[in-house]
Amino acid sequence: MAVKCVWCGNDIKEIEGQATMDTCDECEDFFEEHIDDISESLNELLKKNENSSSKPTEKKAWISYSLITAIHMLSSRPYIEFKDSKYKDLIVNNKK
């Protein structure tokens, strides 16, 4: 079964007996080289979402949650944790 990179769609060579990553070497290298810039950009988007003066919505809550998750996946520190987000109750209350 062919494995494609989740970022660029190029085929990833499978080596028998080894786990196959879902990102190609080129994309992996790019993200490693630019991880600080990516984290900074995600934090800026998080700040904009959290500081929005429009009515809080479930969509905005999921945006904050997703950005915070992505920032953590980069082993970086988010501008704000979701427990401190103004949107936290929109998701937490929905799951009860």
N, C-alpha and C. Protein backbone atom coordinates (compact mmCIF):
# COMPACT_ATOMS: atom_id res chain seq x y z
N MET A 1 0.84 -1.18 0.00
CA MET A 1 0.00 0.00 0.00
C MET A 1 0.89 1.24 0.00
N ALA A 2 0.63 2.16 -0.89
CA ALA A 2 1.43 3.38 -0.99
C ALA A 2 1.05 4.35 0.13
N VAL A 3 2.06 4.98 0.67
CA VAL A 3 1.84 5.99 1.71
C VAL A 3 2.19 7.34 1.11
N LYS A 4 1.30 8.31 1.31
CA LYS A 4 1.53 9.65 0.80
C LYS A 4 1.77 10.60 1.96
N CYS A 5 2.63 11.59 1.74
CA CYS A 5 2.91 12.62 2.74
C CYS A 5 1.63 13.42 2.99
N VAL A 6 1.30 13.61 4.26
CA VAL A 6 0.08 14.34 4.60
C VAL A 6 0.18 15.82 4.24
N TRP A 7 1.39 16.33 4.04
CA TRP A 7 1.56 17.75 3.73
C TRP A 7 1.63 18.02 2.24
N CYS A 8 2.45 17.29 1.51
CA CYS A 8 2.66 17.61 0.08
C CYS A 8 2.04 16.59 -0.86
N GLY A 9 1.67 15.42 -0.35
CA GLY A 9 1.03 14.40 -1.18
C GLY A 9 1.98 13.51 -1.95
N ASN A 10 3.28 13.74 -1.84
CA ASN A 10 4.25 12.88 -2.53
C ASN A 10 4.29 11.50 -1.90
N ASP A 11 4.61 10.51 -2.72
CA ASP A 11 4.75 9.14 -2.22
C ASP A 11 5.93 9.04 -1.27
N ILE A 12 5.76 8.25 -0.22
CA ILE A 12 6.83 8.00 0.75
C ILE A 12 7.28 6.57 0.56
N LYS A 13 8.57 6.39 0.42
CA LYS A 13 9.13 5.06 0.20
C LYS A 13 8.99 4.25 1.49
N GLU A 14 8.40 3.08 1.33
CA GLU A 14 8.26 2.18 2.47
C GLU A 14 9.44 1.21 2.51
N ILE A 15 9.98 1.01 3.69
CA ILE A 15 11.08 0.06 3.88
C ILE A 15 10.56 -1.08 4.72
N GLU A 16 10.64 -2.28 4.17
CA GLU A 16 10.09 -3.45 4.85
C GLU A 16 10.69 -3.59 6.25
N GLY A 17 9.81 -3.82 7.20
CA GLY A 17 10.25 -4.03 8.58
C GLY A 17 10.42 -2.74 9.38
N GLN A 18 10.19 -1.60 8.74
CA GLN A 18 10.32 -0.32 9.45
C GLN A 18 8.99 0.42 9.40
N ALA A 19 8.73 1.18 10.44
CA ALA A 19 7.52 2.01 10.47
C ALA A 19 7.66 3.11 9.42
N THR A 20 6.57 3.45 8.79
CA THR A 20 6.58 4.50 7.77
C THR A 20 5.94 5.75 8.36
N MET A 21 6.66 6.86 8.28
CA MET A 21 6.14 8.14 8.76
C MET A 21 5.10 8.65 7.77
N ASP A 22 4.25 9.56 8.21
CA ASP A 22 3.24 10.11 7.31
C ASP A 22 3.65 11.45 6.71
N THR A 23 4.92 11.83 6.93
CA THR A 23 5.48 13.02 6.29
C THR A 23 6.78 12.63 5.60
N CYS A 24 7.02 13.25 4.44
CA CYS A 24 8.25 12.94 3.72
C CYS A 24 9.43 13.69 4.36
N ASP A 25 10.62 13.29 4.00
CA ASP A 25 11.82 13.89 4.59
C ASP A 25 11.90 15.39 4.32
N GLU A 26 11.51 15.82 3.11
CA GLU A 26 11.59 17.24 2.76
C GLU A 26 10.65 18.07 3.62
N CYS A 27 9.42 17.59 3.80
CA CYS A 27 8.46 18.33 4.64
C CYS A 27 8.90 18.31 6.10
N GLU A 28 9.39 17.17 6.56
CA GLU A 28 9.88 17.06 7.94
C GLU A 28 11.01 18.04 8.18
N ASP A 29 11.94 18.13 7.24
CA ASP A 29 13.06 19.07 7.37
C ASP A 29 12.56 20.51 7.39
N PHE A 30 11.60 20.83 6.51
CA PHE A 30 11.05 22.18 6.47
C PHE A 30 10.45 22.57 7.81
N PHE A 31 9.62 21.69 8.38
CA PHE A 31 8.96 22.00 9.65
C PHE A 31 9.97 22.10 10.79
N GLU A 32 11.00 21.27 10.78
CA GLU A 32 12.02 21.36 11.82
C GLU A 32 12.78 22.68 11.72
N GLU A 33 13.07 23.12 10.50
CA GLU A 33 13.80 24.38 10.31
C GLU A 33 12.96 25.60 10.68
N HIS A 34 11.66 25.51 10.53
CA HIS A 34 10.78 26.66 10.72
C HIS A 34 9.83 26.52 11.91
N ILE A 35 10.13 25.62 12.82
CA ILE A 35 9.22 25.33 13.93
C ILE A 35 8.94 26.57 14.79
N ASP A 36 9.93 27.41 15.03
CA ASP A 36 9.71 28.60 15.84
C ASP A 36 8.81 29.60 15.12
N ASP A 37 9.00 29.77 13.83
CA ASP A 37 8.15 30.68 13.04
C ASP A 37 6.71 30.16 12.99
N ILE A 38 6.56 28.87 12.82
CA ILE A 38 5.23 28.27 12.76
C ILE A 38 4.52 28.46 14.10
N SER A 39 5.22 28.18 15.18
CA SER A 39 4.65 28.34 16.51
C SER A 39 4.25 29.80 16.77
N GLU A 40 5.11 30.72 16.37
CA GLU A 40 4.82 32.14 16.54
C GLU A 40 3.57 32.55 15.75
N SER A 41 3.46 32.06 14.53
CA SER A 41 2.30 32.38 13.69
C SER A 41 1.01 31.80 14.29
N LEU A 42 1.08 30.57 14.78
CA LEU A 42 -0.10 29.96 15.40
C LEU A 42 -0.51 30.72 16.66
N ASN A 43 0.48 31.18 17.43
CA ASN A 43 0.18 31.96 18.62
C ASN A 43 -0.47 33.30 18.26
N GLU A 44 -0.04 33.93 17.17
CA GLU A 44 -0.66 35.18 16.73
C GLU A 44 -2.12 34.95 16.34
N LEU A 45 -2.38 33.85 15.64
CA LEU A 45 -3.78 33.52 15.29
C LEU A 45 -4.60 33.25 16.55
N LEU A 46 -4.00 32.59 17.53
CA LEU A 46 -4.68 32.32 18.79
C LEU A 46 -5.02 33.63 19.51
N LYS A 47 -4.06 34.54 19.55
CA LYS A 47 -4.31 35.85 20.19
C LYS A 47 -5.46 36.58 19.51
N LYS A 48 -5.46 36.60 18.17
CA LYS A 48 -6.54 37.26 17.43
C LYS A 48 -7.89 36.63 17.74
N ASN A 49 -7.92 35.31 17.78
CA ASN A 49 -9.18 34.63 18.07
C ASN A 49 -9.65 34.92 19.49
N GLU A 50 -8.73 34.87 20.45
CA GLU A 50 -9.09 35.11 21.86
C GLU A 50 -9.46 36.57 22.12
N ASN A 51 -8.87 37.49 21.39
CA ASN A 51 -9.14 38.91 21.60
C ASN A 51 -10.27 39.45 20.73
N SER A 52 -10.90 38.58 19.98
CA SER A 52 -12.00 38.98 19.12
C SER A 52 -13.14 39.57 19.95
N SER A 53 -13.69 40.65 19.47
CA SER A 53 -14.79 41.28 20.20
C SER A 53 -16.15 40.78 19.72
N SER A 54 -16.14 39.89 18.74
CA SER A 54 -17.42 39.35 18.27
C SER A 54 -17.96 38.33 19.27
N LYS A 55 -19.21 37.99 19.11
CA LYS A 55 -19.88 37.07 20.03
C LYS A 55 -19.16 35.72 20.06
N PRO A 56 -18.89 35.19 21.26
CA PRO A 56 -18.26 33.87 21.36
C PRO A 56 -19.16 32.80 20.73
N THR A 57 -18.55 31.94 19.93
CA THR A 57 -19.29 30.86 19.29
C THR A 57 -18.55 29.54 19.49
N GLU A 58 -19.25 28.45 19.27
CA GLU A 58 -18.61 27.14 19.38
C GLU A 58 -17.49 27.02 18.35
N LYS A 59 -17.69 27.59 17.17
CA LYS A 59 -16.66 27.54 16.13
C LYS A 59 -15.37 28.22 16.62
N LYS A 60 -15.50 29.39 17.25
CA LYS A 60 -14.32 30.09 17.77
C LYS A 60 -13.67 29.29 18.90
N ALA A 61 -14.48 28.59 19.68
CA ALA A 61 -13.94 27.74 20.75
C ALA A 61 -13.09 26.63 20.15
N TRP A 62 -13.60 25.99 19.09
CA TRP A 62 -12.84 24.90 18.46
C TRP A 62 -11.59 25.43 17.77
N ILE A 63 -11.65 26.65 17.26
CA ILE A 63 -10.45 27.25 16.66
C ILE A 63 -9.37 27.42 17.72
N SER A 64 -9.72 28.00 18.85
CA SER A 64 -8.75 28.16 19.94
C SER A 64 -8.21 26.82 20.40
N TYR A 65 -9.11 25.87 20.60
CA TYR A 65 -8.70 24.54 21.06
C TYR A 65 -7.73 23.90 20.07
N SER A 66 -8.04 23.99 18.79
CA SER A 66 -7.19 23.39 17.75
C SER A 66 -5.84 24.07 17.67
N LEU A 67 -5.82 25.40 17.75
CA LEU A 67 -4.55 26.13 17.71
C LEU A 67 -3.68 25.77 18.91
N ILE A 68 -4.27 25.70 20.08
CA ILE A 68 -3.52 25.35 21.30
C ILE A 68 -2.95 23.94 21.16
N THR A 69 -3.76 23.02 20.65
CA THR A 69 -3.29 21.65 20.44
C THR A 69 -2.12 21.61 19.46
N ALA A 70 -2.23 22.35 18.36
CA ALA A 70 -1.16 22.38 17.36
C ALA A 70 0.12 22.97 17.95
N ILE A 71 -0.01 24.00 18.74
CA ILE A 71 1.17 24.63 19.36
C ILE A 71 1.85 23.64 20.30
N HIS A 72 1.06 22.92 21.08
CA HIS A 72 1.63 21.90 21.97
C HIS A 72 2.33 20.81 21.15
N MET A 73 1.76 20.43 20.01
CA MET A 73 2.37 19.40 19.17
C MET A 73 3.73 19.84 18.64
N LEU A 74 3.94 21.13 18.56
CA LEU A 74 5.24 21.66 18.13
C LEU A 74 6.20 21.78 19.32
N SER A 75 5.78 21.28 20.47
CA SER A 75 6.56 21.36 21.71
C SER A 75 6.84 22.81 22.08
N SER A 76 5.87 23.65 21.81
CA SER A 76 5.98 25.06 22.15
C SER A 76 4.92 25.42 23.18
N ARG A 77 5.05 26.61 23.70
CA ARG A 77 4.11 27.07 24.72
C ARG A 77 3.09 28.00 24.08
N PRO A 78 1.78 27.69 24.25
CA PRO A 78 0.76 28.57 23.70
C PRO A 78 0.61 29.85 24.50
N TYR A 79 0.13 30.87 23.83
CA TYR A 79 -0.15 32.17 24.44
C TYR A 79 -1.07 32.01 25.64
N ILE A 80 -2.01 31.08 25.55
CA ILE A 80 -2.99 30.84 26.61
C ILE A 80 -3.35 29.36 26.58
N GLU A 81 -3.62 28.78 27.73
CA GLU A 81 -4.08 27.40 27.79
C GLU A 81 -5.60 27.40 27.65
N PHE A 82 -6.16 26.30 27.14
CA PHE A 82 -7.60 26.28 26.88
C PHE A 82 -8.41 26.45 28.16
N LYS A 83 -7.90 25.97 29.28
CA LYS A 83 -8.62 26.13 30.55
C LYS A 83 -8.80 27.61 30.90
N ASP A 84 -7.97 28.47 30.32
CA ASP A 84 -8.05 29.91 30.56
C ASP A 84 -8.73 30.67 29.41
N SER A 85 -9.15 29.94 28.40
CA SER A 85 -9.77 30.55 27.22
C SER A 85 -11.17 31.06 27.55
N LYS A 86 -11.53 32.17 26.93
CA LYS A 86 -12.89 32.69 27.14
C LYS A 86 -13.94 31.79 26.49
N TYR A 87 -13.50 30.85 25.67
CA TYR A 87 -14.41 29.95 24.96
C TYR A 87 -14.56 28.58 25.61
N LYS A 88 -13.83 28.31 26.68
CA LYS A 88 -13.78 26.95 27.24
C LYS A 88 -15.15 26.38 27.58
N ASP A 89 -16.04 27.20 28.08
CA ASP A 89 -17.35 26.70 28.49
C ASP A 89 -18.22 26.30 27.30
N LEU A 90 -17.93 26.83 26.13
CA LEU A 90 -18.73 26.49 24.95
C LEU A 90 -18.52 25.05 24.52
N ILE A 91 -17.34 24.51 24.78
CA ILE A 91 -17.06 23.12 24.43
C ILE A 91 -17.32 22.21 25.64
N VAL A 92 -16.86 22.60 26.80
CA VAL A 92 -17.01 21.78 28.01
C VAL A 92 -18.47 21.52 28.31
N ASN A 93 -19.30 22.55 28.25
CA ASN A 93 -20.72 22.39 28.54
C ASN A 93 -21.43 21.56 27.48
N ASN A 94 -20.94 21.59 26.27
CA ASN A 94 -21.54 20.81 25.19
C ASN A 94 -21.35 19.32 25.39
N LYS A 95 -20.28 18.92 26.06
CA LYS A 95 -19.96 17.51 26.22
C LYS A 95 -20.69 16.88 27.40
N LYS A 96 -21.32 17.68 28.23
CA LYS A 96 -22.00 17.17 29.42
C LYS A 96 -23.38 16.66 29.08
